[in-house]
Amino acid sequence: MELTVWEDIFFGAVASMGFAAISNPPKKSLKCCGLIAGIGHGCRFLLLEHGWGIVAGSFVASFVIGILAVLLSRRAKCPAECLSFPALLPMIPGMYAYKMVQGLVGCMGSADYREYFDMFSYNLIITFSVILMMVIGITIPVFLMKKISFTATK
């Protein structure tokens, strides 16, 4: 089943709002978090559709999420981190992490050790790289817009 960009934006926003609701934030921040996640998830979706890799696409999308979180933090009356972290959670590469664990388990009791180890290694590198690039992408806007970022909740 192929998703359209609008479905991807919608599901990314809903998932983000669910993750954000767990931490009992102000009600205004839930809407902002959903908006930020939807735009970020849609950005990554479009980049992947146009041939970008998942690592580069996740970096750009997390950078966009970081910028939007810093800009909307004053409106939501909460720190940018409260908006950006739930917005990033739907972009965690769960399928790659699952296949990584599947490859690791396969290595433990199989005659096809080499095949399972290759599966484990490849998915470990992708999972680690995506998460690392997401962390870097979300952090850069906070440092670039330091004045806005640190005065948002005052």
N, C-alpha and C. Protein backbone atom coordinates (compact mmCIF):
# COMPACT_ATOMS: atom_id res chain seq x y z
N MET A 1 0.84 -1.18 0.00
CA MET A 1 0.00 0.00 0.00
C MET A 1 0.88 1.24 0.00
N GLU A 2 0.71 2.06 -0.98
CA GLU A 2 1.47 3.30 -1.10
C GLU A 2 0.69 4.45 -0.48
N LEU A 3 1.36 5.26 0.30
CA LEU A 3 0.75 6.43 0.90
C LEU A 3 0.95 7.64 0.01
N THR A 4 0.03 8.57 0.08
CA THR A 4 0.23 9.86 -0.57
C THR A 4 0.93 10.77 0.44
N VAL A 5 1.42 11.89 -0.03
CA VAL A 5 2.11 12.80 0.86
C VAL A 5 1.15 13.34 1.93
N TRP A 6 -0.11 13.54 1.57
CA TRP A 6 -1.08 14.07 2.54
C TRP A 6 -1.39 13.05 3.63
N GLU A 7 -1.46 11.78 3.26
CA GLU A 7 -1.68 10.74 4.27
C GLU A 7 -0.47 10.64 5.19
N ASP A 8 0.72 10.75 4.62
CA ASP A 8 1.94 10.70 5.42
C ASP A 8 2.00 11.87 6.41
N ILE A 9 1.63 13.05 5.94
CA ILE A 9 1.60 14.22 6.82
C ILE A 9 0.59 14.01 7.94
N PHE A 10 -0.59 13.52 7.59
CA PHE A 10 -1.64 13.30 8.59
C PHE A 10 -1.20 12.28 9.65
N PHE A 11 -0.69 11.14 9.20
CA PHE A 11 -0.30 10.10 10.15
C PHE A 11 0.90 10.51 10.99
N GLY A 12 1.83 11.26 10.41
CA GLY A 12 2.96 11.78 11.18
C GLY A 12 2.50 12.75 12.26
N ALA A 13 1.53 13.60 11.91
CA ALA A 13 1.00 14.57 12.87
C ALA A 13 0.25 13.88 14.00
N VAL A 14 -0.57 12.90 13.66
CA VAL A 14 -1.34 12.19 14.69
C VAL A 14 -0.41 11.43 15.63
N ALA A 15 0.59 10.75 15.08
CA ALA A 15 1.53 10.01 15.91
C ALA A 15 2.29 10.95 16.84
N SER A 16 2.70 12.08 16.32
CA SER A 16 3.43 13.05 17.12
C SER A 16 2.57 13.60 18.26
N MET A 17 1.32 13.90 17.95
CA MET A 17 0.44 14.41 18.99
C MET A 17 0.21 13.35 20.08
N GLY A 18 0.16 12.09 19.68
CA GLY A 18 0.03 11.02 20.66
C GLY A 18 1.26 10.92 21.54
N PHE A 19 2.44 11.01 20.94
CA PHE A 19 3.67 10.98 21.73
C PHE A 19 3.76 12.20 22.65
N ALA A 20 3.34 13.35 22.15
CA ALA A 20 3.41 14.57 22.95
C ALA A 20 2.43 14.53 24.11
N ALA A 21 1.26 13.94 23.90
CA ALA A 21 0.23 13.91 24.94
C ALA A 21 0.66 13.13 26.18
N ILE A 22 1.59 12.22 26.00
CA ILE A 22 2.06 11.41 27.13
C ILE A 22 2.69 12.28 28.20
N SER A 23 3.36 13.36 27.80
CA SER A 23 4.08 14.20 28.76
C SER A 23 3.24 15.36 29.31
N ASN A 24 1.94 15.35 29.07
CA ASN A 24 1.01 16.33 29.62
C ASN A 24 1.44 17.78 29.34
N PRO A 25 1.58 18.15 28.07
CA PRO A 25 2.01 19.51 27.73
C PRO A 25 0.82 20.47 27.71
N PRO A 26 1.09 21.77 27.54
CA PRO A 26 -0.03 22.71 27.34
C PRO A 26 -0.80 22.35 26.06
N LYS A 27 -2.09 22.59 26.05
CA LYS A 27 -2.92 22.20 24.90
C LYS A 27 -2.47 22.87 23.60
N LYS A 28 -2.00 24.11 23.68
CA LYS A 28 -1.52 24.80 22.47
C LYS A 28 -0.35 24.06 21.84
N SER A 29 0.45 23.45 22.67
CA SER A 29 1.65 22.80 22.13
C SER A 29 1.31 21.53 21.34
N LEU A 30 0.19 20.89 21.65
CA LEU A 30 -0.19 19.69 20.90
C LEU A 30 -0.45 20.01 19.43
N LYS A 31 -1.15 21.10 19.18
CA LYS A 31 -1.41 21.51 17.80
C LYS A 31 -0.12 21.86 17.08
N CYS A 32 0.73 22.61 17.76
CA CYS A 32 2.02 23.00 17.16
C CYS A 32 2.87 21.76 16.89
N CYS A 33 2.87 20.83 17.82
CA CYS A 33 3.65 19.61 17.65
C CYS A 33 3.15 18.80 16.46
N GLY A 34 1.86 18.69 16.31
CA GLY A 34 1.29 17.99 15.17
C GLY A 34 1.63 18.67 13.85
N LEU A 35 1.55 19.99 13.84
CA LEU A 35 1.88 20.76 12.64
C LEU A 35 3.34 20.57 12.26
N ILE A 36 4.22 20.68 13.24
CA ILE A 36 5.66 20.53 13.00
C ILE A 36 5.97 19.13 12.49
N ALA A 37 5.41 18.13 13.14
CA ALA A 37 5.68 16.75 12.74
C ALA A 37 5.14 16.46 11.34
N GLY A 38 3.96 16.97 11.05
CA GLY A 38 3.38 16.76 9.73
C GLY A 38 4.25 17.36 8.63
N ILE A 39 4.71 18.58 8.85
CA ILE A 39 5.57 19.23 7.86
C ILE A 39 6.89 18.48 7.73
N GLY A 40 7.49 18.11 8.85
CA GLY A 40 8.76 17.38 8.81
C GLY A 40 8.63 16.02 8.16
N HIS A 41 7.59 15.29 8.52
CA HIS A 41 7.38 13.97 7.95
C HIS A 41 7.08 14.07 6.45
N GLY A 42 6.28 15.06 6.08
CA GLY A 42 5.99 15.27 4.67
C GLY A 42 7.25 15.66 3.89
N CYS A 43 8.11 16.45 4.50
CA CYS A 43 9.37 16.84 3.87
C CYS A 43 10.22 15.60 3.60
N ARG A 44 10.35 14.73 4.60
CA ARG A 44 11.13 13.51 4.40
C ARG A 44 10.50 12.62 3.34
N PHE A 45 9.18 12.51 3.34
CA PHE A 45 8.47 11.71 2.36
C PHE A 45 8.78 12.19 0.94
N LEU A 46 8.70 13.50 0.74
CA LEU A 46 8.96 14.06 -0.59
C LEU A 46 10.42 13.86 -1.01
N LEU A 47 11.33 14.02 -0.06
CA LEU A 47 12.75 13.80 -0.38
C LEU A 47 13.01 12.35 -0.76
N LEU A 48 12.39 11.41 -0.05
CA LEU A 48 12.56 10.00 -0.38
C LEU A 48 11.95 9.68 -1.74
N GLU A 49 10.83 10.31 -2.04
CA GLU A 49 10.19 10.10 -3.35
C GLU A 49 11.05 10.63 -4.50
N HIS A 50 11.87 11.62 -4.21
CA HIS A 50 12.72 12.21 -5.25
C HIS A 50 14.15 11.66 -5.23
N GLY A 51 14.33 10.51 -4.64
CA GLY A 51 15.60 9.81 -4.74
C GLY A 51 16.61 10.05 -3.65
N TRP A 52 16.29 10.84 -2.66
CA TRP A 52 17.21 11.03 -1.55
C TRP A 52 17.23 9.76 -0.71
N GLY A 53 18.31 9.51 -0.05
CA GLY A 53 18.39 8.37 0.87
C GLY A 53 17.69 8.68 2.17
N ILE A 54 17.42 7.65 2.94
CA ILE A 54 16.70 7.85 4.21
C ILE A 54 17.54 8.63 5.21
N VAL A 55 18.85 8.49 5.17
CA VAL A 55 19.71 9.21 6.11
C VAL A 55 19.69 10.71 5.79
N ALA A 56 19.93 11.07 4.55
CA ALA A 56 19.93 12.48 4.16
C ALA A 56 18.54 13.10 4.30
N GLY A 57 17.51 12.36 3.91
CA GLY A 57 16.15 12.85 4.04
C GLY A 57 15.75 13.09 5.49
N SER A 58 16.16 12.20 6.37
CA SER A 58 15.86 12.36 7.79
C SER A 58 16.60 13.55 8.38
N PHE A 59 17.84 13.78 7.91
CA PHE A 59 18.60 14.94 8.38
C PHE A 59 17.90 16.24 8.00
N VAL A 60 17.53 16.37 6.75
CA VAL A 60 16.88 17.61 6.28
C VAL A 60 15.54 17.80 7.00
N ALA A 61 14.77 16.73 7.13
CA ALA A 61 13.47 16.82 7.80
C ALA A 61 13.63 17.20 9.27
N SER A 62 14.62 16.65 9.94
CA SER A 62 14.82 17.01 11.34
C SER A 62 15.32 18.45 11.48
N PHE A 63 16.08 18.92 10.51
CA PHE A 63 16.50 20.32 10.51
C PHE A 63 15.29 21.24 10.36
N VAL A 64 14.38 20.87 9.47
CA VAL A 64 13.13 21.64 9.29
C VAL A 64 12.31 21.62 10.58
N ILE A 65 12.22 20.45 11.19
CA ILE A 65 11.49 20.33 12.47
C ILE A 65 12.12 21.22 13.53
N GLY A 66 13.44 21.24 13.59
CA GLY A 66 14.14 22.07 14.57
C GLY A 66 13.86 23.55 14.37
N ILE A 67 13.90 24.00 13.12
CA ILE A 67 13.62 25.41 12.83
C ILE A 67 12.19 25.76 13.23
N LEU A 68 11.25 24.93 12.82
CA LEU A 68 9.85 25.21 13.15
C LEU A 68 9.60 25.16 14.65
N ALA A 69 10.25 24.24 15.35
CA ALA A 69 10.07 24.14 16.80
C ALA A 69 10.58 25.40 17.50
N VAL A 70 11.72 25.91 17.07
CA VAL A 70 12.25 27.13 17.68
C VAL A 70 11.33 28.31 17.39
N LEU A 71 10.85 28.41 16.15
CA LEU A 71 9.99 29.54 15.78
C LEU A 71 8.62 29.48 16.47
N LEU A 72 8.08 28.28 16.65
CA LEU A 72 6.74 28.15 17.25
C LEU A 72 6.75 27.99 18.77
N SER A 73 7.93 27.89 19.37
CA SER A 73 7.99 27.65 20.81
C SER A 73 7.43 28.82 21.61
N ARG A 74 7.63 30.02 21.13
CA ARG A 74 7.09 31.19 21.84
C ARG A 74 5.56 31.17 21.79
N ARG A 75 5.01 30.82 20.65
CA ARG A 75 3.55 30.77 20.50
C ARG A 75 2.93 29.69 21.37
N ALA A 76 3.62 28.54 21.47
CA ALA A 76 3.11 27.43 22.27
C ALA A 76 3.43 27.59 23.76
N LYS A 77 4.27 28.57 24.08
CA LYS A 77 4.68 28.84 25.46
C LYS A 77 5.32 27.62 26.13
N CYS A 78 6.21 27.00 25.38
CA CYS A 78 6.98 25.87 25.93
C CYS A 78 8.31 25.80 25.19
N PRO A 79 9.30 25.16 25.77
CA PRO A 79 10.61 25.07 25.11
C PRO A 79 10.52 24.34 23.77
N ALA A 80 11.43 24.67 22.89
CA ALA A 80 11.46 24.05 21.55
C ALA A 80 11.60 22.53 21.64
N GLU A 81 12.29 22.06 22.65
CA GLU A 81 12.49 20.61 22.81
C GLU A 81 11.16 19.89 23.03
N CYS A 82 10.24 20.54 23.71
CA CYS A 82 8.92 19.93 23.95
C CYS A 82 8.14 19.74 22.66
N LEU A 83 8.45 20.55 21.66
CA LEU A 83 7.79 20.44 20.36
C LEU A 83 8.56 19.52 19.42
N SER A 84 9.88 19.60 19.48
CA SER A 84 10.67 18.88 18.49
C SER A 84 10.83 17.39 18.77
N PHE A 85 10.98 17.00 20.02
CA PHE A 85 11.21 15.58 20.30
C PHE A 85 10.02 14.71 19.94
N PRO A 86 8.79 15.08 20.33
CA PRO A 86 7.65 14.25 19.87
C PRO A 86 7.48 14.27 18.35
N ALA A 87 7.89 15.36 17.72
CA ALA A 87 7.78 15.44 16.26
C ALA A 87 8.79 14.51 15.58
N LEU A 88 9.90 14.24 16.23
CA LEU A 88 10.91 13.34 15.67
C LEU A 88 10.55 11.86 15.84
N LEU A 89 9.83 11.53 16.87
CA LEU A 89 9.58 10.11 17.18
C LEU A 89 8.95 9.32 16.04
N PRO A 90 7.99 9.88 15.29
CA PRO A 90 7.45 9.09 14.17
C PRO A 90 8.46 8.82 13.05
N MET A 91 9.58 9.54 13.06
CA MET A 91 10.57 9.34 12.00
C MET A 91 11.65 8.31 12.38
N ILE A 92 11.57 7.75 13.56
CA ILE A 92 12.56 6.74 13.95
C ILE A 92 12.39 5.53 13.04
N PRO A 93 13.48 5.03 12.48
CA PRO A 93 13.40 3.95 11.49
C PRO A 93 13.12 2.59 12.12
N GLY A 94 11.88 2.35 12.50
CA GLY A 94 11.51 1.13 13.21
C GLY A 94 11.73 -0.15 12.42
N MET A 95 11.48 -0.11 11.13
CA MET A 95 11.65 -1.32 10.32
C MET A 95 13.12 -1.72 10.24
N TYR A 96 13.99 -0.75 10.11
CA TYR A 96 15.42 -1.06 10.08
C TYR A 96 15.88 -1.60 11.43
N ALA A 97 15.39 -1.04 12.52
CA ALA A 97 15.75 -1.53 13.85
C ALA A 97 15.22 -2.96 14.05
N TYR A 98 14.02 -3.21 13.58
CA TYR A 98 13.45 -4.56 13.69
C TYR A 98 14.28 -5.57 12.91
N LYS A 99 14.66 -5.22 11.68
CA LYS A 99 15.47 -6.13 10.87
C LYS A 99 16.87 -6.31 11.45
N MET A 100 17.37 -5.28 12.13
CA MET A 100 18.65 -5.39 12.80
C MET A 100 18.59 -6.45 13.90
N VAL A 101 17.57 -6.39 14.72
CA VAL A 101 17.40 -7.38 15.78
C VAL A 101 17.13 -8.76 15.20
N GLN A 102 16.36 -8.81 14.14
CA GLN A 102 16.09 -10.09 13.47
C GLN A 102 17.39 -10.71 12.96
N GLY A 103 18.27 -9.91 12.39
CA GLY A 103 19.56 -10.41 11.93
C GLY A 103 20.43 -10.87 13.08
N LEU A 104 20.40 -10.15 14.19
CA LEU A 104 21.18 -10.54 15.36
C LEU A 104 20.70 -11.86 15.94
N VAL A 105 19.41 -12.02 16.04
CA VAL A 105 18.84 -13.29 16.53
C VAL A 105 19.16 -14.42 15.56
N GLY A 106 19.10 -14.14 14.27
CA GLY A 106 19.43 -15.15 13.27
C GLY A 106 20.88 -15.60 13.35
N CYS A 107 21.77 -14.69 13.74
CA CYS A 107 23.19 -15.04 13.87
C CYS A 107 23.42 -16.06 14.98
N MET A 108 22.58 -16.04 15.98
CA MET A 108 22.81 -16.87 17.16
C MET A 108 22.58 -18.35 16.93
N GLY A 109 21.67 -18.69 16.07
CA GLY A 109 21.38 -20.12 15.94
C GLY A 109 21.14 -20.57 14.53
N SER A 110 21.95 -20.12 13.60
CA SER A 110 21.69 -20.47 12.22
C SER A 110 22.97 -20.86 11.50
N ALA A 111 22.80 -21.70 10.51
CA ALA A 111 23.93 -22.08 9.66
C ALA A 111 24.23 -20.97 8.65
N ASP A 112 23.27 -20.10 8.40
CA ASP A 112 23.45 -18.98 7.47
C ASP A 112 23.97 -17.74 8.21
N TYR A 113 25.01 -17.94 9.00
CA TYR A 113 25.53 -16.87 9.84
C TYR A 113 25.90 -15.64 9.02
N ARG A 114 26.57 -15.84 7.92
CA ARG A 114 27.05 -14.73 7.10
C ARG A 114 25.88 -13.88 6.58
N GLU A 115 24.84 -14.52 6.12
CA GLU A 115 23.67 -13.80 5.60
C GLU A 115 23.00 -12.98 6.70
N TYR A 116 22.83 -13.59 7.87
CA TYR A 116 22.19 -12.88 8.98
C TYR A 116 23.08 -11.76 9.51
N PHE A 117 24.40 -11.98 9.52
CA PHE A 117 25.30 -10.95 9.99
C PHE A 117 25.30 -9.75 9.04
N ASP A 118 25.24 -10.03 7.75
CA ASP A 118 25.13 -8.95 6.77
C ASP A 118 23.85 -8.15 6.98
N MET A 119 22.76 -8.86 7.23
CA MET A 119 21.48 -8.20 7.48
C MET A 119 21.56 -7.34 8.75
N PHE A 120 22.15 -7.89 9.80
CA PHE A 120 22.33 -7.17 11.06
C PHE A 120 23.19 -5.93 10.84
N SER A 121 24.32 -6.07 10.18
CA SER A 121 25.27 -4.97 9.99
C SER A 121 24.65 -3.83 9.18
N TYR A 122 24.04 -4.18 8.07
CA TYR A 122 23.44 -3.16 7.20
C TYR A 122 22.38 -2.37 7.95
N ASN A 123 21.48 -3.06 8.62
CA ASN A 123 20.38 -2.38 9.32
C ASN A 123 20.86 -1.62 10.55
N LEU A 124 21.92 -2.09 11.19
CA LEU A 124 22.52 -1.36 12.31
C LEU A 124 23.08 -0.03 11.83
N ILE A 125 23.79 -0.05 10.72
CA ILE A 125 24.40 1.17 10.19
C ILE A 125 23.32 2.17 9.77
N ILE A 126 22.28 1.69 9.10
CA ILE A 126 21.19 2.59 8.68
C ILE A 126 20.48 3.17 9.90
N THR A 127 20.13 2.33 10.86
CA THR A 127 19.42 2.80 12.06
C THR A 127 20.25 3.82 12.81
N PHE A 128 21.51 3.50 13.06
CA PHE A 128 22.38 4.40 13.79
C PHE A 128 22.58 5.72 13.04
N SER A 129 22.79 5.64 11.74
CA SER A 129 23.02 6.84 10.93
C SER A 129 21.80 7.75 10.90
N VAL A 130 20.62 7.16 10.74
CA VAL A 130 19.40 7.98 10.71
C VAL A 130 19.20 8.68 12.05
N ILE A 131 19.35 7.95 13.14
CA ILE A 131 19.14 8.56 14.46
C ILE A 131 20.19 9.63 14.74
N LEU A 132 21.44 9.37 14.37
CA LEU A 132 22.50 10.36 14.56
C LEU A 132 22.22 11.62 13.75
N MET A 133 21.82 11.47 12.50
CA MET A 133 21.53 12.63 11.66
C MET A 133 20.30 13.39 12.15
N MET A 134 19.34 12.67 12.71
CA MET A 134 18.17 13.35 13.28
C MET A 134 18.58 14.20 14.49
N VAL A 135 19.45 13.66 15.32
CA VAL A 135 19.92 14.42 16.50
C VAL A 135 20.71 15.66 16.06
N ILE A 136 21.59 15.49 15.09
CA ILE A 136 22.37 16.63 14.60
C ILE A 136 21.45 17.65 13.94
N GLY A 137 20.52 17.19 13.12
CA GLY A 137 19.61 18.09 12.43
C GLY A 137 18.71 18.88 13.36
N ILE A 138 18.31 18.28 14.45
CA ILE A 138 17.42 18.96 15.40
C ILE A 138 18.19 19.93 16.29
N THR A 139 19.48 19.68 16.47
CA THR A 139 20.30 20.50 17.36
C THR A 139 20.79 21.77 16.69
N ILE A 140 21.09 21.71 15.42
CA ILE A 140 21.66 22.86 14.71
C ILE A 140 20.77 24.11 14.81
N PRO A 141 19.46 24.03 14.57
CA PRO A 141 18.64 25.25 14.67
C PRO A 141 18.63 25.87 16.06
N VAL A 142 18.72 25.05 17.10
CA VAL A 142 18.74 25.60 18.45
C VAL A 142 19.97 26.48 18.65
N PHE A 143 21.11 26.05 18.11
CA PHE A 143 22.32 26.85 18.24
C PHE A 143 22.36 28.02 17.27
N LEU A 144 21.80 27.85 16.07
CA LEU A 144 21.78 28.94 15.11
C LEU A 144 20.85 30.07 15.54
N MET A 145 19.76 29.72 16.18
CA MET A 145 18.78 30.72 16.61
C MET A 145 18.75 30.77 18.14
N LYS A 146 19.94 30.93 18.71
CA LYS A 146 20.10 30.86 20.16
C LYS A 146 19.25 31.88 20.90
N LYS A 147 19.20 33.09 20.40
CA LYS A 147 18.46 34.15 21.08
C LYS A 147 16.97 33.83 21.14
N ILE A 148 16.41 33.39 20.03
CA ILE A 148 14.99 33.02 20.00
C ILE A 148 14.75 31.79 20.85
N SER A 149 15.64 30.82 20.74
CA SER A 149 15.47 29.55 21.41
C SER A 149 15.44 29.67 22.93
N PHE A 150 16.36 30.47 23.49
CA PHE A 150 16.47 30.53 24.93
C PHE A 150 15.56 31.56 25.58
N THR A 151 14.91 32.40 24.78
CA THR A 151 13.97 33.35 25.34
C THR A 151 12.52 33.01 25.04
N ALA A 152 12.28 31.85 24.49
CA ALA A 152 10.93 31.48 24.04
C ALA A 152 9.94 31.37 25.18
N THR A 153 10.37 30.93 26.34
CA THR A 153 9.41 30.69 27.42
C THR A 153 9.45 31.79 28.48
N LYS A 154 10.11 32.88 28.22
CA LYS A 154 10.19 33.98 29.22
C LYS A 154 9.10 34.98 28.99
